[in-house]
PDB file of N, CA and C in Angstrom:
ATOM      1  N   MET A   1       0.839  -1.183   0.000  1.00  0.00           N
ATOM      2  CA  MET A   1       0.000   0.000   0.000  1.00  0.00           C
ATOM      3  C   MET A   1       0.883   1.244   0.000  1.00  0.00           C
ATOM      4  N   PRO A   2       0.435   2.270  -0.668  1.00  0.00           N
ATOM      5  CA  PRO A   2       1.226   3.502  -0.704  1.00  0.00           C
ATOM      6  C   PRO A   2       1.344   4.118   0.679  1.00  0.00           C
ATOM      7  N   GLY A   3       2.548   4.470   1.060  1.00  0.00           N
ATOM      8  CA  GLY A   3       2.768   5.108   2.349  1.00  0.00           C
ATOM      9  C   GLY A   3       2.880   4.175   3.528  1.00  0.00           C
ATOM     10  N   HIS A   4       2.824   2.861   3.285  1.00  0.00           N
ATOM     11  CA  HIS A   4       2.859   1.931   4.425  1.00  0.00           C
ATOM     12  C   HIS A   4       4.145   2.048   5.226  1.00  0.00           C
ATOM     13  N   ASP A   5       5.244   2.397   4.559  1.00  0.00           N
ATOM     14  CA  ASP A   5       6.515   2.533   5.256  1.00  0.00           C
ATOM     15  C   ASP A   5       6.451   3.648   6.300  1.00  0.00           C
ATOM     16  N   LEU A   6       5.827   4.751   5.954  1.00  0.00           N
ATOM     17  CA  LEU A   6       5.670   5.856   6.905  1.00  0.00           C
ATOM     18  C   LEU A   6       4.774   5.475   8.076  1.00  0.00           C
ATOM     19  N   ILE A   7       3.697   4.788   7.764  1.00  0.00           N
ATOM     20  CA  ILE A   7       2.730   4.423   8.807  1.00  0.00           C
ATOM     21  C   ILE A   7       3.344   3.412   9.770  1.00  0.00           C
ATOM     22  N   LEU A   8       4.009   2.398   9.241  1.00  0.00           N
ATOM     23  CA  LEU A   8       4.652   1.406  10.112  1.00  0.00           C
ATOM     24  C   LEU A   8       5.724   2.047  10.979  1.00  0.00           C
ATOM     25  N   ALA A   9       6.528   2.931  10.390  1.00  0.00           N
ATOM     26  CA  ALA A   9       7.562   3.627  11.166  1.00  0.00           C
ATOM     27  C   ALA A   9       6.917   4.500  12.233  1.00  0.00           C
ATOM     28  N   GLY A  10       5.821   5.174  11.883  1.00  0.00           N
ATOM     29  CA  GLY A  10       5.137   6.038  12.844  1.00  0.00           C
ATOM     30  C   GLY A  10       4.548   5.269  14.007  1.00  0.00           C
ATOM     31  N   ILE A  11       3.964   4.115  13.717  1.00  0.00           N
ATOM     32  CA  ILE A  11       3.418   3.274  14.792  1.00  0.00           C
ATOM     33  C   ILE A  11       4.538   2.804  15.708  1.00  0.00           C
ATOM     34  N   ASP A  12       5.646   2.385  15.124  1.00  0.00           N
ATOM     35  CA  ASP A  12       6.799   1.956  15.922  1.00  0.00           C
ATOM     36  C   ASP A  12       7.324   3.106  16.775  1.00  0.00           C
ATOM     37  N   ASP A  13       7.415   4.282  16.186  1.00  0.00           N
ATOM     38  CA  ASP A  13       7.893   5.441  16.942  1.00  0.00           C
ATOM     39  C   ASP A  13       6.941   5.787  18.089  1.00  0.00           C
ATOM     40  N   LEU A  14       5.632   5.708  17.839  1.00  0.00           N
ATOM     41  CA  LEU A  14       4.670   5.963  18.918  1.00  0.00           C
ATOM     42  C   LEU A  14       4.815   4.943  20.033  1.00  0.00           C
ATOM     43  N   GLU A  15       4.967   3.674  19.671  1.00  0.00           N
ATOM     44  CA  GLU A  15       5.124   2.627  20.686  1.00  0.00           C
ATOM     45  C   GLU A  15       6.357   2.852  21.549  1.00  0.00           C
ATOM     46  N   ASN A  16       7.370   3.476  20.965  1.00  0.00           N
ATOM     47  CA  ASN A  16       8.629   3.689  21.676  1.00  0.00           C
ATOM     48  C   ASN A  16       8.805   5.114  22.175  1.00  0.00           C
ATOM     49  N   GLY A  17       7.729   5.900  22.120  1.00  0.00           N
ATOM     50  CA  GLY A  17       7.748   7.248  22.673  1.00  0.00           C
ATOM     51  C   GLY A  17       8.602   8.246  21.918  1.00  0.00           C
ATOM     52  N   ARG A  18       8.850   7.997  20.637  1.00  0.00           N
ATOM     53  CA  ARG A  18       9.666   8.916  19.842  1.00  0.00           C
ATOM     54  C   ARG A  18       8.776   9.921  19.115  1.00  0.00           C
ATOM     55  N   ARG A  19       9.183  11.169  19.160  1.00  0.00           N
ATOM     56  CA  ARG A  19       8.471  12.243  18.450  1.00  0.00           C
ATOM     57  C   ARG A  19       9.185  12.485  17.128  1.00  0.00           C
ATOM     58  N   THR A  20       8.646  11.925  16.093  1.00  0.00           N
ATOM     59  CA  THR A  20       9.230  12.000  14.759  1.00  0.00           C
ATOM     60  C   THR A  20       8.165  12.475  13.779  1.00  0.00           C
ATOM     61  N   PRO A  21       8.573  12.868  12.584  1.00  0.00           N
ATOM     62  CA  PRO A  21       7.550  13.206  11.586  1.00  0.00           C
ATOM     63  C   PRO A  21       6.579  12.050  11.355  1.00  0.00           C
ATOM     64  N   GLU A  22       7.092  10.840  11.356  1.00  0.00           N
ATOM     65  CA  GLU A  22       6.232   9.674  11.129  1.00  0.00           C
ATOM     66  C   GLU A  22       5.245   9.466  12.274  1.00  0.00           C
ATOM     67  N   SER A  23       5.706   9.603  13.516  1.00  0.00           N
ATOM     68  CA  SER A  23       4.789   9.401  14.645  1.00  0.00           C
ATOM     69  C   SER A  23       3.724  10.500  14.691  1.00  0.00           C
ATOM     70  N   LEU A  24       4.108  11.710  14.361  1.00  0.00           N
ATOM     71  CA  LEU A  24       3.126  12.792  14.329  1.00  0.00           C
ATOM     72  C   LEU A  24       2.139  12.597  13.187  1.00  0.00           C
ATOM     73  N   LEU A  25       2.617  12.080  12.059  1.00  0.00           N
ATOM     74  CA  LEU A  25       1.730  11.805  10.930  1.00  0.00           C
ATOM     75  C   LEU A  25       0.684  10.759  11.311  1.00  0.00           C
ATOM     76  N   VAL A  26       1.122   9.698  11.973  1.00  0.00           N
ATOM     77  CA  VAL A  26       0.183   8.667  12.426  1.00  0.00           C
ATOM     78  C   VAL A  26      -0.785   9.249  13.461  1.00  0.00           C
ATOM     79  N   SER A  27      -0.301  10.145  14.304  1.00  0.00           N
ATOM     80  CA  SER A  27      -1.181  10.794  15.280  1.00  0.00           C
ATOM     81  C   SER A  27      -2.270  11.600  14.578  1.00  0.00           C
ATOM     82  N   ILE A  28      -1.912  12.246  13.483  1.00  0.00           N
ATOM     83  CA  ILE A  28      -2.895  13.018  12.717  1.00  0.00           C
ATOM     84  C   ILE A  28      -3.987  12.095  12.188  1.00  0.00           C
ATOM     85  N   GLY A  29      -3.597  10.935  11.696  1.00  0.00           N
ATOM     86  CA  GLY A  29      -4.561  10.013  11.105  1.00  0.00           C
ATOM     87  C   GLY A  29      -5.065   8.939  12.037  1.00  0.00           C
ATOM     88  N   ALA A  30      -4.748   9.019  13.316  1.00  0.00           N
ATOM     89  CA  ALA A  30      -5.026   7.931  14.257  1.00  0.00           C
ATOM     90  C   ALA A  30      -6.485   7.487  14.263  1.00  0.00           C
ATOM     91  N   GLU A  31      -7.395   8.414  14.310  1.00  0.00           N
ATOM     92  CA  GLU A  31      -8.813   8.040  14.398  1.00  0.00           C
ATOM     93  C   GLU A  31      -9.245   7.249  13.160  1.00  0.00           C
ATOM     94  N   ARG A  32      -8.885   7.736  12.002  1.00  0.00           N
ATOM     95  CA  ARG A  32      -9.264   7.056  10.758  1.00  0.00           C
ATOM     96  C   ARG A  32      -8.533   5.721  10.614  1.00  0.00           C
ATOM     97  N   LEU A  33      -7.261   5.675  11.031  1.00  0.00           N
ATOM     98  CA  LEU A  33      -6.496   4.424  10.957  1.00  0.00           C
ATOM     99  C   LEU A  33      -7.084   3.377  11.900  1.00  0.00           C
ATOM    100  N   ARG A  34      -7.468   3.789  13.097  1.00  0.00           N
ATOM    101  CA  ARG A  34      -8.105   2.852  14.040  1.00  0.00           C
ATOM    102  C   ARG A  34      -9.432   2.355  13.495  1.00  0.00           C
ATOM    103  N   ALA A  35     -10.208   3.256  12.910  1.00  0.00           N
ATOM    104  CA  ALA A  35     -11.507   2.869  12.347  1.00  0.00           C
ATOM    105  C   ALA A  35     -11.337   1.859  11.217  1.00  0.00           C
ATOM    106  N   ALA A  36     -10.186   1.902  10.544  1.00  0.00           N
ATOM    107  CA  ALA A  36      -9.912   0.966   9.452  1.00  0.00           C
ATOM    108  C   ALA A  36      -9.282  -0.328   9.960  1.00  0.00           C
ATOM    109  N   GLY A  37      -9.077  -0.428  11.285  1.00  0.00           N
ATOM    110  CA  GLY A  37      -8.619  -1.682  11.857  1.00  0.00           C
ATOM    111  C   GLY A  37      -7.188  -1.742  12.324  1.00  0.00           C
ATOM    112  N   LEU A  38      -6.441  -0.657  12.238  1.00  0.00           N
ATOM    113  CA  LEU A  38      -5.057  -0.678  12.713  1.00  0.00           C
ATOM    114  C   LEU A  38      -5.004  -0.399  14.211  1.00  0.00           C
ATOM    115  N   ASP A  39      -4.051  -1.018  14.863  1.00  0.00           N
ATOM    116  CA  ASP A  39      -3.818  -0.787  16.281  1.00  0.00           C
ATOM    117  C   ASP A  39      -2.825   0.360  16.395  1.00  0.00           C
ATOM    118  N   VAL A  40      -3.330   1.543  16.667  1.00  0.00           N
ATOM    119  CA  VAL A  40      -2.488   2.740  16.750  1.00  0.00           C
ATOM    120  C   VAL A  40      -2.341   3.124  18.213  1.00  0.00           C
ATOM    121  N   PRO A  41      -1.102   3.151  18.724  1.00  0.00           N
ATOM    122  CA  PRO A  41      -0.894   3.529  20.119  1.00  0.00           C
ATOM    123  C   PRO A  41      -1.268   4.989  20.358  1.00  0.00           C
ATOM    124  N   ALA A  42      -1.491   5.303  21.608  1.00  0.00           N
ATOM    125  CA  ALA A  42      -1.776   6.684  21.983  1.00  0.00           C
ATOM    126  C   ALA A  42      -0.561   7.550  21.692  1.00  0.00           C
ATOM    127  N   ALA A  43      -0.834   8.759  21.289  1.00  0.00           N
ATOM    128  CA  ALA A  43       0.234   9.699  20.967  1.00  0.00           C
ATOM    129  C   ALA A  43       0.720  10.403  22.223  1.00  0.00           C
ATOM    130  N   PRO A  44       1.997  10.776  22.246  1.00  0.00           N
ATOM    131  CA  PRO A  44       2.466  11.592  23.363  1.00  0.00           C
ATOM    132  C   PRO A  44       1.780  12.953  23.316  1.00  0.00           C
ATOM    133  N   PRO A  45       1.672  13.627  24.430  1.00  0.00           N
ATOM    134  CA  PRO A  45       0.977  14.910  24.459  1.00  0.00           C
ATOM    135  C   PRO A  45       1.635  15.943  23.543  1.00  0.00           C
ATOM    136  N   THR A  46       0.794  16.685  22.856  1.00  0.00           N
ATOM    137  CA  THR A  46       1.257  17.846  22.083  1.00  0.00           C
ATOM    138  C   THR A  46       0.391  19.014  22.530  1.00  0.00           C
ATOM    139  N   ASP A  47       0.406  20.067  21.782  1.00  0.00           N
ATOM    140  CA  ASP A  47      -0.441  21.214  22.111  1.00  0.00           C
ATOM    141  C   ASP A  47      -1.900  20.933  21.775  1.00  0.00           C
ATOM    142  N   GLY A  48      -2.202  19.682  21.466  1.00  0.00           N
ATOM    143  CA  GLY A  48      -3.551  19.313  21.082  1.00  0.00           C
ATOM    144  C   GLY A  48      -3.719  19.200  19.593  1.00  0.00           C
ATOM    145  N   TYR A  49      -2.738  19.641  18.845  1.00  0.00           N
ATOM    146  CA  TYR A  49      -2.807  19.630  17.390  1.00  0.00           C
ATOM    147  C   TYR A  49      -1.547  18.998  16.813  1.00  0.00           C
ATOM    148  N   PRO A  50      -1.592  17.696  16.525  1.00  0.00           N
ATOM    149  CA  PRO A  50      -0.398  17.072  15.960  1.00  0.00           C
ATOM    150  C   PRO A  50      -0.018  17.682  14.616  1.00  0.00           C
ATOM    151  N   GLU A  51      -0.977  18.294  13.925  1.00  0.00           N
ATOM    152  CA  GLU A  51      -0.681  18.970  12.666  1.00  0.00           C
ATOM    153  C   GLU A  51       0.329  20.093  12.887  1.00  0.00           C
ATOM    154  N   HIS A  52       0.106  20.880  13.949  1.00  0.00           N
ATOM    155  CA  HIS A  52       1.017  21.980  14.266  1.00  0.00           C
ATOM    156  C   HIS A  52       2.381  21.446  14.686  1.00  0.00           C
ATOM    157  N   ALA A  53       2.371  20.395  15.497  1.00  0.00           N
ATOM    158  CA  ALA A  53       3.632  19.817  15.963  1.00  0.00           C
ATOM    159  C   ALA A  53       4.442  19.276  14.788  1.00  0.00           C
ATOM    160  N   LEU A  54       3.763  18.638  13.821  1.00  0.00           N
ATOM    161  CA  LEU A  54       4.467  18.113  12.652  1.00  0.00           C
ATOM    162  C   LEU A  54       5.087  19.253  11.858  1.00  0.00           C
ATOM    163  N   TYR A  55       4.321  20.297  11.599  1.00  0.00           N
ATOM    164  CA  TYR A  55       4.857  21.417  10.823  1.00  0.00           C
ATOM    165  C   TYR A  55       6.035  22.061  11.547  1.00  0.00           C
ATOM    166  N   GLU A  56       5.901  22.271  12.838  1.00  0.00           N
ATOM    167  CA  GLU A  56       6.995  22.873  13.609  1.00  0.00           C
ATOM    168  C   GLU A  56       8.246  22.016  13.573  1.00  0.00           C
ATOM    169  N   LEU A  57       8.079  20.698  13.676  1.00  0.00           N
ATOM    170  CA  LEU A  57       9.228  19.800  13.619  1.00  0.00           C
ATOM    171  C   LEU A  57       9.915  19.876  12.254  1.00  0.00           C
ATOM    172  N   LEU A  58       9.129  19.877  11.202  1.00  0.00           N
ATOM    173  CA  LEU A  58       9.693  19.979   9.855  1.00  0.00           C
ATOM    174  C   LEU A  58      10.382  21.328   9.643  1.00  0.00           C
ATOM    175  N   ALA A  59       9.773  22.392  10.150  1.00  0.00           N
ATOM    176  CA  ALA A  59      10.343  23.728   9.993  1.00  0.00           C
ATOM    177  C   ALA A  59      11.624  23.907  10.799  1.00  0.00           C
ATOM    178  N   SER A  60      11.735  23.198  11.908  1.00  0.00           N
ATOM    179  CA  SER A  60      12.953  23.317  12.708  1.00  0.00           C
ATOM    180  C   SER A  60      14.144  22.680  12.005  1.00  0.00           C
ATOM    181  N   ASP A  61      13.874  21.722  11.157  1.00  0.00           N
ATOM    182  CA  ASP A  61      14.926  21.022  10.423  1.00  0.00           C
ATOM    183  C   ASP A  61      15.316  21.776   9.153  1.00  0.00           C
ATOM    184  N   GLU A  62      14.325  22.090   8.323  1.00  0.00           N
ATOM    185  CA  GLU A  62      14.555  22.780   7.053  1.00  0.00           C
ATOM    186  C   GLU A  62      13.390  23.740   6.794  1.00  0.00           C
ATOM    187  N   PRO A  63      13.485  24.974   7.296  1.00  0.00           N
ATOM    188  CA  PRO A  63      12.356  25.896   7.204  1.00  0.00           C
ATOM    189  C   PRO A  63      11.883  26.173   5.770  1.00  0.00           C
ATOM    190  N   GLU A  64      12.797  26.229   4.833  1.00  0.00           N
ATOM    191  CA  GLU A  64      12.432  26.584   3.465  1.00  0.00           C
ATOM    192  C   GLU A  64      11.564  25.524   2.792  1.00  0.00           C
ATOM    193  N   SER A  65      11.726  24.275   3.184  1.00  0.00           N
ATOM    194  CA  SER A  65      10.989  23.193   2.525  1.00  0.00           C
ATOM    195  C   SER A  65       9.874  22.608   3.393  1.00  0.00           C
ATOM    196  N   ALA A  66       9.634  23.191   4.556  1.00  0.00           N
ATOM    197  CA  ALA A  66       8.674  22.616   5.505  1.00  0.00           C
ATOM    198  C   ALA A  66       7.274  22.511   4.919  1.00  0.00           C
ATOM    199  N   HIS A  67       6.823  23.537   4.250  1.00  0.00           N
ATOM    200  CA  HIS A  67       5.452  23.534   3.722  1.00  0.00           C
ATOM    201  C   HIS A  67       5.261  22.417   2.701  1.00  0.00           C
ATOM    202  N   GLY A  68       6.178  22.297   1.772  1.00  0.00           N
ATOM    203  CA  GLY A  68       6.073  21.250   0.756  1.00  0.00           C
ATOM    204  C   GLY A  68       6.180  19.861   1.347  1.00  0.00           C
ATOM    205  N   ARG A  69       7.096  19.685   2.286  1.00  0.00           N
ATOM    206  CA  ARG A  69       7.259  18.373   2.928  1.00  0.00           C
ATOM    207  C   ARG A  69       6.020  18.015   3.745  1.00  0.00           C
ATOM    208  N   TYR A  70       5.459  18.992   4.438  1.00  0.00           N
ATOM    209  CA  TYR A  70       4.252  18.781   5.235  1.00  0.00           C
ATOM    210  C   TYR A  70       3.110  18.305   4.334  1.00  0.00           C
ATOM    211  N   ASN A  71       2.886  19.016   3.251  1.00  0.00           N
ATOM    212  CA  ASN A  71       1.810  18.643   2.333  1.00  0.00           C
ATOM    213  C   ASN A  71       2.041  17.275   1.707  1.00  0.00           C
ATOM    214  N   ALA A  72       3.282  16.954   1.374  1.00  0.00           N
ATOM    215  CA  ALA A  72       3.586  15.646   0.791  1.00  0.00           C
ATOM    216  C   ALA A  72       3.293  14.527   1.792  1.00  0.00           C
ATOM    217  N   LEU A  73       3.655  14.739   3.049  1.00  0.00           N
ATOM    218  CA  LEU A  73       3.377  13.726   4.068  1.00  0.00           C
ATOM    219  C   LEU A  73       1.874  13.529   4.255  1.00  0.00           C
ATOM    220  N   LEU A  74       1.128  14.614   4.279  1.00  0.00           N
ATOM    221  CA  LEU A  74      -0.326  14.485   4.432  1.00  0.00           C
ATOM    222  C   LEU A  74      -0.948  13.764   3.240  1.00  0.00           C
ATOM    223  N   ARG A  75      -0.450  14.026   2.041  1.00  0.00           N
ATOM    224  CA  ARG A  75      -0.965  13.315   0.854  1.00  0.00           C
ATOM    225  C   ARG A  75      -0.695  11.819   0.961  1.00  0.00           C
ATOM    226  N   ARG A  76       0.482  11.464   1.451  1.00  0.00           N
ATOM    227  CA  ARG A  76       0.802  10.037   1.600  1.00  0.00           C
ATOM    228  C   ARG A  76      -0.071   9.389   2.662  1.00  0.00           C
ATOM    229  N   LEU A  77      -0.353  10.102   3.746  1.00  0.00           N
ATOM    230  CA  LEU A  77      -1.240   9.584   4.783  1.00  0.00           C
ATOM    231  C   LEU A  77      -2.629   9.330   4.210  1.00  0.00           C
ATOM    232  N   VAL A  78      -3.180  10.294   3.520  1.00  0.00           N
ATOM    233  CA  VAL A  78      -4.521  10.160   2.959  1.00  0.00           C
ATOM    234  C   VAL A  78      -4.559   9.023   1.940  1.00  0.00           C
ATOM    235  N   SER A  79      -3.524   8.902   1.144  1.00  0.00           N
ATOM    236  CA  SER A  79      -3.460   7.817   0.166  1.00  0.00           C
ATOM    237  C   SER A  79      -3.465   6.459   0.860  1.00  0.00           C
ATOM    238  N   PHE A  80      -2.696   6.339   1.933  1.00  0.00           N
ATOM    239  CA  PHE A  80      -2.671   5.088   2.690  1.00  0.00           C
ATOM    240  C   PHE A  80      -4.030   4.806   3.311  1.00  0.00           C
ATOM    241  N   GLU A  81      -4.637   5.817   3.918  1.00  0.00           N
ATOM    242  CA  GLU A  81      -5.950   5.632   4.552  1.00  0.00           C
ATOM    243  C   GLU A  81      -6.978   5.138   3.539  1.00  0.00           C
ATOM    244  N   ARG A  82      -6.989   5.763   2.392  1.00  0.00           N
ATOM    245  CA  ARG A  82      -7.955   5.362   1.351  1.00  0.00           C
ATOM    246  C   ARG A  82      -7.714   3.921   0.894  1.00  0.00           C
ATOM    247  N   ALA A  83      -6.450   3.581   0.662  1.00  0.00           N
ATOM    248  CA  ALA A  83      -6.120   2.232   0.216  1.00  0.00           C
ATOM    249  C   ALA A  83      -6.495   1.209   1.294  1.00  0.00           C
ATOM    250  N   LEU A  84      -6.228   1.507   2.548  1.00  0.00           N
ATOM    251  CA  LEU A  84      -6.568   0.603   3.640  1.00  0.00           C
ATOM    252  C   LEU A  84      -8.081   0.430   3.746  1.00  0.00           C
ATOM    253  N   GLU A  85      -8.811   1.515   3.681  1.00  0.00           N
ATOM    254  CA  GLU A  85     -10.269   1.424   3.745  1.00  0.00           C
ATOM    255  C   GLU A  85     -10.831   0.638   2.577  1.00  0.00           C
ATOM    256  N   HIS A  86     -10.271   0.839   1.418  1.00  0.00           N
ATOM    257  CA  HIS A  86     -10.710   0.101   0.233  1.00  0.00           C
ATOM    258  C   HIS A  86     -10.422  -1.404   0.386  1.00  0.00           C
ATOM    259  N   ALA A  87      -9.234  -1.724   0.898  1.00  0.00           N
ATOM    260  CA  ALA A  87      -8.869  -3.131   1.100  1.00  0.00           C
ATOM    261  C   ALA A  87      -9.783  -3.792   2.141  1.00  0.00           C
ATOM    262  N   ARG A  88     -10.115  -3.064   3.196  1.00  0.00           N
ATOM    263  CA  ARG A  88     -10.974  -3.608   4.260  1.00  0.00           C
ATOM    264  C   ARG A  88     -12.398  -3.794   3.769  1.00  0.00           C
ATOM    265  N   ALA A  89     -12.860  -2.944   2.866  1.00  0.00           N
ATOM    266  CA  ALA A  89     -14.218  -3.011   2.367  1.00  0.00           C
ATOM    267  C   ALA A  89     -14.384  -4.098   1.293  1.00  0.00           C
ATOM    268  N   GLY A  90     -13.273  -4.393   0.632  1.00  0.00           N
ATOM    269  CA  GLY A  90     -13.341  -5.334  -0.502  1.00  0.00           C
ATOM    270  C   GLY A  90     -13.271  -6.732  -0.099  1.00  0.00           C
TER     271      GLY A  90
END
């Protein structure tokens, strides 16, 4: 499935308490991923918005490319969610 590498890494990072772009991405999609049948661990506390935390983390690393990288990660998350839901429904 498209993006599975990011999702698996994010789940592993959440299980191990790591705050990474992947773990924040999974936190953003946690509700939809759980509804599709994945076991997603609870996210570490953020300001309540993992979207903001992800953008801030990306911007702290490379501010000039943060917006594009953020949008690319969200597209991959949505693509994975759709593929997973389609596979579960079929």
